[in-house]
Amino acid sequence: MLPGMITRREALLVLAALPILPACGGGGTTDSGTGGSDTGGGGGSCGGIVDDNHGHSISVPRADVTAGTPQTYDIQGSAGHSHTVSLSATQFGILADVGMVIVTSSSAGHTHQVTINCS
């Protein structure tokens, strides 16, 4: 490792310590979406946490992470409106390497911060 570089473990500890700030006005909750984290093999899916959630959910197939091709996911879940979350090839590389990315959903009058976790 080069001088000044941090390990994967150190990066995850820093990310875990960051506060999740509400992105959707007025007192919602931070809530997990559907889908669990699967650390084995190439199957399963990566789960997500949607900040200030009111029914949205996301599950990213491990096959998508492995393929690394840009994708857009609808996170409507049981909410009365839809948002999308787009992941770039670079973000899939980070998911494969570090195990977690944080993205912002599309707007439907508001946005959500979405943490996708594959570790």
Foldseek 3Di string as FASTA:
>chain_A
DDPPDDDLVVVVVVVVPDDFDAFDPDDAAWAWADFDADQDDQFGWWTKIKGSDDAWTDTGTSVCLVVLDKDKDWGCGVPPDIWIWIDHSVNSVCCVPNFKDWTWIHDPPTIIIMITGRD
